Amino acid sequence: MPPEATAASTPPVLLVHGAWHGAWCWERQFAPWLRQQGHVVETLDLPGHGHPGPQRIALYPVRAYVDAVAARLAQSPRPMVVAGHSMGGFVVQKLMERRPAKLAGAALFASVPPQGVLGVVLHLLRSRPLDFLRSVTRLDLYHLVRTPQFAQALFYNAGLDAKTVEAYWQPLQNESFRAFLDMLVLDLPRSRRVDPALPNWIVGGELDRIFPPAEVRATAKAYGVEAKLYSGMAHNLMLDRGWETVAADFSSWLHGIRKK
């Protein structure tokens, strides 16, 4: 389909980043590729984001992130698909609860599941207990991603080359500890409040150490769809090796929405 026909016949897309990241993670390659296919794509930095490095950010609640996405959605002249990665997927789920009129569909990429981040906590307590405890006692989540090697272990296939890992690590930043607590227990999604007719697309990586396949499948089940899992891919589906396949599948799903 010609790009101009795609723009006219598919909903525009808003891409929401996850913890420690910013709009840059979508803009490196994923969003530009979608635009080349004709999709209208927007990205945003959530409140407190867009400032690489270990400096602290305010204790934003998840609600503040949801409000920012809802405000961008309300400004759109057309209904949009909102897609979120990791913490961004949690934000999208909280947006879905609100049933905004302009929400045309939701896509969750390696998202925090409705039951929250307890599984991540247990993984970190097993694999990096001292680092995790220091992060908690200092209320400093950057400690968990303070080196390229730590970032690769959390986000990428072990085969991703060191130069690329370094380039993806440089823009990482600190995260709100309050948002972490919201995702742990204080403000979990309530999937029963979501419109069951809302189109959903839920995907994950088979090598994801943060939200492994079982959690991706549980998320999909909560929203009445079947999860798609990508072999050889870890958490950062928009940056890891194989991102092109994810982008192409997402584009196909967007084309399907226009037929409904």
Protein backbone atom coordinates (compact mmCIF):
# COMPACT_ATOMS: atom_id res chain seq x y z
CA MET A 1 0.00 0.00 0.00
CA PRO A 2 1.43 3.47 -0.86
CA PRO A 3 2.50 5.50 2.19
CA GLU A 4 -0.15 8.15 1.60
CA ALA A 5 -2.87 5.48 1.55
CA THR A 6 -1.54 4.01 4.80
CA ALA A 7 -1.67 7.41 6.50
CA ALA A 8 -5.29 7.88 5.44
CA SER A 9 -6.55 4.42 6.30
CA THR A 10 -4.77 3.52 9.55
CA PRO A 11 -4.99 5.29 12.91
CA PRO A 12 -2.12 7.49 14.03
CA VAL A 13 0.14 6.02 16.69
CA LEU A 14 1.56 7.36 19.95
CA LEU A 15 4.58 5.42 21.25
CA VAL A 16 5.24 5.51 25.01
CA HIS A 17 8.65 4.58 26.42
CA GLY A 18 9.49 2.58 29.53
CA ALA A 19 11.50 3.16 32.70
CA TRP A 20 15.01 4.64 32.36
CA HIS A 21 14.28 5.43 28.69
CA GLY A 22 12.79 8.29 26.70
CA ALA A 23 11.28 8.98 23.31
CA TRP A 24 14.76 8.33 21.86
CA CYS A 25 14.31 4.54 22.17
CA TRP A 26 11.49 4.65 19.60
CA GLU A 27 13.10 7.34 17.46
CA ARG A 28 16.37 5.46 16.84
CA GLN A 29 14.79 3.23 14.22
CA PHE A 30 11.31 1.91 15.06
CA ALA A 31 9.30 5.14 14.64
CA PRO A 32 11.20 6.28 11.51
CA TRP A 33 10.60 2.88 9.89
CA LEU A 34 6.87 3.11 10.57
CA ARG A 35 6.77 6.62 9.11
CA GLN A 36 8.50 5.38 5.98
CA GLN A 37 5.62 2.93 5.55
CA GLY A 38 3.17 5.83 5.76
CA HIS A 39 2.05 5.58 9.38
CA VAL A 40 1.55 8.78 11.33
CA VAL A 41 3.67 8.30 14.46
CA GLU A 42 4.26 10.47 17.52
CA THR A 43 6.54 9.91 20.51
CA LEU A 44 6.91 11.78 23.78
CA ASP A 45 9.12 12.03 26.83
CA LEU A 46 7.12 11.28 29.96
CA PRO A 47 7.37 13.88 32.78
CA GLY A 48 10.91 14.04 34.14
CA HIS A 49 12.37 12.19 31.16
CA GLY A 50 14.66 13.22 28.34
CA HIS A 51 17.66 13.96 30.62
CA PRO A 52 20.32 11.22 30.37
CA GLY A 53 22.43 10.34 33.36
CA PRO A 54 22.13 9.43 37.04
CA GLN A 55 20.58 12.68 38.34
CA ARG A 56 17.39 12.12 40.31
CA ILE A 57 13.98 13.04 38.95
CA ALA A 58 10.91 14.02 40.96
CA LEU A 59 8.85 11.32 42.62
CA TYR A 60 6.27 11.22 39.84
CA PRO A 61 3.40 8.79 40.37
CA VAL A 62 2.30 6.66 37.44
CA ARG A 63 -0.82 8.81 37.35
CA ALA A 64 1.29 11.77 36.21
CA TYR A 65 2.61 9.69 33.31
CA VAL A 66 -0.91 8.60 32.37
CA ASP A 67 -2.12 12.19 32.52
CA ALA A 68 0.62 13.25 30.09
CA VAL A 69 -0.32 10.53 27.60
CA ALA A 70 -4.03 11.26 27.98
CA ALA A 71 -3.39 14.95 27.29
CA ARG A 72 -1.47 14.15 24.10
CA LEU A 73 -4.25 11.78 23.02
CA ALA A 74 -6.91 14.44 23.64
CA GLN A 75 -5.06 16.84 21.31
CA SER A 76 -5.17 14.41 18.39
CA PRO A 77 -7.65 15.26 15.63
CA ARG A 78 -8.20 11.51 15.04
CA PRO A 79 -8.49 8.47 17.32
CA MET A 80 -5.04 7.03 18.01
CA VAL A 81 -3.46 3.71 18.86
CA VAL A 82 -1.33 4.11 21.98
CA ALA A 83 1.55 1.65 22.31
CA GLY A 84 3.70 1.29 25.40
CA HIS A 85 6.90 -0.57 26.18
CA SER A 86 7.61 -2.00 29.64
CA MET A 87 6.60 0.71 32.15
CA GLY A 88 5.01 2.47 29.17
CA GLY A 89 2.80 -0.60 28.78
CA PHE A 90 1.73 -0.17 32.40
CA VAL A 91 0.90 3.46 31.62
CA VAL A 92 -1.15 2.36 28.61
CA GLN A 93 -3.08 -0.14 30.74
CA LYS A 94 -3.97 2.62 33.20
CA LEU A 95 -5.04 4.77 30.23
CA MET A 96 -7.22 1.93 28.97
CA GLU A 97 -9.09 1.95 32.31
CA ARG A 98 -10.16 5.53 31.64
CA ARG A 99 -11.76 4.57 28.28
CA PRO A 100 -10.84 7.80 26.49
CA ALA A 101 -12.99 8.44 23.43
CA LYS A 102 -10.01 8.88 21.12
CA LEU A 103 -8.30 5.59 22.03
CA ALA A 104 -8.52 3.44 18.87
CA GLY A 105 -6.42 0.56 20.16
CA ALA A 106 -3.64 -0.39 22.55
CA ALA A 107 -0.37 -2.24 22.01
CA LEU A 108 1.78 -3.58 24.83
CA PHE A 109 5.45 -4.30 24.08
CA ALA A 110 7.14 -6.39 26.80
CA SER A 111 4.80 -4.68 29.22
CA VAL A 112 4.60 -4.72 32.97
CA PRO A 113 1.83 -7.26 33.61
CA PRO A 114 -1.39 -6.35 35.43
CA GLN A 115 -0.01 -8.02 38.57
CA GLY A 116 2.87 -5.54 38.62
CA VAL A 117 6.64 -5.77 38.97
CA LEU A 118 6.93 -8.27 41.81
CA GLY A 119 8.45 -10.77 39.39
CA VAL A 120 11.19 -8.26 38.48
CA VAL A 121 11.92 -7.68 42.15
CA LEU A 122 12.31 -11.40 42.78
CA HIS A 123 14.57 -11.74 39.71
CA LEU A 124 16.81 -8.92 40.92
CA LEU A 125 16.93 -10.30 44.46
CA ARG A 126 18.17 -13.58 43.02
CA SER A 127 20.57 -12.20 40.42
CA ARG A 128 21.78 -8.89 41.90
CA PRO A 129 20.67 -8.71 45.54
CA LEU A 130 23.20 -6.11 46.71
CA ASP A 131 22.53 -3.79 43.77
CA PHE A 132 18.80 -4.05 44.26
CA LEU A 133 18.98 -3.41 48.00
CA ARG A 134 21.23 -0.39 47.45
CA SER A 135 18.73 0.96 44.91
CA VAL A 136 15.88 0.57 47.40
CA THR A 137 17.68 2.00 50.41
CA ARG A 138 18.93 4.99 48.37
CA LEU A 139 15.70 5.39 46.38
CA ASP A 140 17.97 5.44 43.33
CA LEU A 141 16.92 3.19 40.45
CA TYR A 142 19.74 4.34 38.17
CA HIS A 143 22.03 2.11 40.22
CA LEU A 144 20.49 -0.88 38.41
CA VAL A 145 21.53 0.38 34.94
CA ARG A 146 24.74 2.23 35.83
CA THR A 147 26.94 0.33 33.35
CA PRO A 148 26.44 -0.84 29.76
CA GLN A 149 26.89 -4.41 30.95
CA PHE A 150 24.06 -4.09 33.47
CA ALA A 151 21.83 -2.55 30.80
CA GLN A 152 22.58 -5.37 28.37
CA ALA A 153 21.74 -8.00 30.98
CA LEU A 154 18.35 -6.40 31.55
CA PHE A 155 17.37 -5.26 28.08
CA TYR A 156 19.16 -7.06 25.24
CA ASN A 157 20.16 -10.29 23.60
CA ALA A 158 23.61 -11.30 24.82
CA GLY A 159 24.76 -11.32 21.18
CA LEU A 160 24.15 -7.60 20.64
CA ASP A 161 27.55 -6.03 19.95
CA ALA A 162 29.27 -3.92 22.61
CA LYS A 163 29.36 -0.74 20.52
CA THR A 164 25.59 -0.80 20.01
CA VAL A 165 24.98 -1.61 23.68
CA GLU A 166 27.14 1.39 24.65
CA ALA A 167 25.19 3.66 22.27
CA TYR A 168 21.89 2.50 23.77
CA TRP A 169 23.18 2.86 27.33
CA GLN A 170 24.34 6.47 26.99
CA PRO A 171 20.80 8.02 26.95
CA LEU A 172 19.54 6.01 29.95
CA GLN A 173 18.44 8.01 32.97
CA ASN A 174 17.07 7.70 36.48
CA GLU A 175 13.46 6.74 37.16
CA SER A 176 10.82 7.81 39.67
CA PHE A 177 10.89 5.60 42.75
CA ARG A 178 7.24 6.46 43.37
CA ALA A 179 6.34 5.09 39.94
CA PHE A 180 8.17 1.89 40.88
CA LEU A 181 6.07 1.60 44.04
CA ASP A 182 2.90 2.19 42.03
CA MET A 183 3.87 -0.66 39.71
CA LEU A 184 4.73 -2.87 42.66
CA VAL A 185 1.57 -2.47 44.70
CA LEU A 186 0.07 1.04 44.98
CA ASP A 187 -1.72 1.51 41.64
CA LEU A 188 -2.01 -1.76 39.72
CA PRO A 189 -4.09 -1.96 36.52
CA ARG A 190 -7.67 -3.18 36.73
CA SER A 191 -8.22 -5.02 33.47
CA ARG A 192 -11.93 -5.53 34.17
CA ARG A 193 -12.50 -1.81 33.66
CA VAL A 194 -11.19 -1.93 30.09
CA ASP A 195 -13.59 -1.98 27.15
CA PRO A 196 -13.48 -5.59 25.91
CA ALA A 197 -14.03 -4.38 22.34
CA LEU A 198 -10.84 -2.31 22.34
CA PRO A 199 -8.28 -3.77 19.88
CA ASN A 200 -5.20 -5.02 21.71
CA TRP A 201 -1.80 -6.26 20.49
CA ILE A 202 0.44 -7.82 23.13
CA VAL A 203 3.97 -9.02 22.39
CA GLY A 204 7.17 -9.98 24.20
CA GLY A 205 10.58 -11.52 23.77
CA GLU A 206 11.33 -15.16 24.46
CA LEU A 207 14.65 -14.12 26.06
CA ASP A 208 13.16 -11.35 28.20
CA ARG A 209 14.54 -11.53 31.75
CA ILE A 210 12.33 -8.72 33.07
CA PHE A 211 8.93 -9.92 31.89
CA PRO A 212 9.46 -13.48 30.64
CA PRO A 213 7.05 -15.29 28.31
CA ALA A 214 4.79 -16.58 31.08
CA GLU A 215 4.09 -13.02 32.22
CA VAL A 216 3.48 -11.81 28.66
CA ARG A 217 0.98 -14.62 28.16
CA ALA A 218 -0.72 -13.73 31.44
CA THR A 219 -1.03 -10.11 30.32
CA ALA A 220 -2.57 -11.17 27.02
CA LYS A 221 -5.02 -13.47 28.80
CA ALA A 222 -6.12 -10.61 31.06
CA TYR A 223 -7.13 -8.63 27.96
CA GLY A 224 -8.64 -11.50 26.02
CA VAL A 225 -6.04 -11.84 23.27
CA GLU A 226 -3.20 -14.18 22.38
CA ALA A 227 0.36 -13.07 22.99
CA LYS A 228 3.01 -13.10 20.27
CA LEU A 229 6.55 -13.96 21.38
CA TYR A 230 9.69 -13.24 19.37
CA SER A 231 12.47 -15.81 19.45
CA GLY A 232 16.00 -14.55 20.00
CA MET A 233 14.78 -11.23 21.40
CA ALA A 234 14.98 -9.84 24.91
CA HIS A 235 13.22 -6.92 26.59
CA ASN A 236 13.83 -3.93 24.32
CA LEU A 237 11.91 -5.10 21.29
CA MET A 238 12.25 -1.75 19.50
CA LEU A 239 16.06 -1.83 19.69
CA ASP A 240 17.20 -5.45 20.01
CA ARG A 241 18.27 -7.55 17.04
CA GLY A 242 15.12 -8.41 15.08
CA TRP A 243 13.29 -5.14 15.71
CA GLU A 244 12.38 -4.95 12.00
CA THR A 245 10.17 -8.03 12.30
CA VAL A 246 8.37 -6.53 15.29
CA ALA A 247 7.84 -3.27 13.42
CA ALA A 248 6.48 -5.05 10.35
CA ASP A 249 4.07 -7.12 12.46
CA PHE A 250 2.91 -4.01 14.30
CA SER A 251 2.31 -2.28 10.96
CA SER A 252 0.21 -5.24 9.78
CA TRP A 253 -1.84 -5.11 12.97
CA LEU A 254 -2.46 -1.39 12.46
CA HIS A 255 -3.75 -2.11 8.97
CA GLY A 256 -6.16 -4.62 10.48
CA ILE A 257 -7.67 -2.04 12.81
CA ARG A 258 -8.97 0.04 9.91
CA LYS A 259 -11.13 -2.91 8.81
CA LYS A 260 -12.96 -3.17 12.11
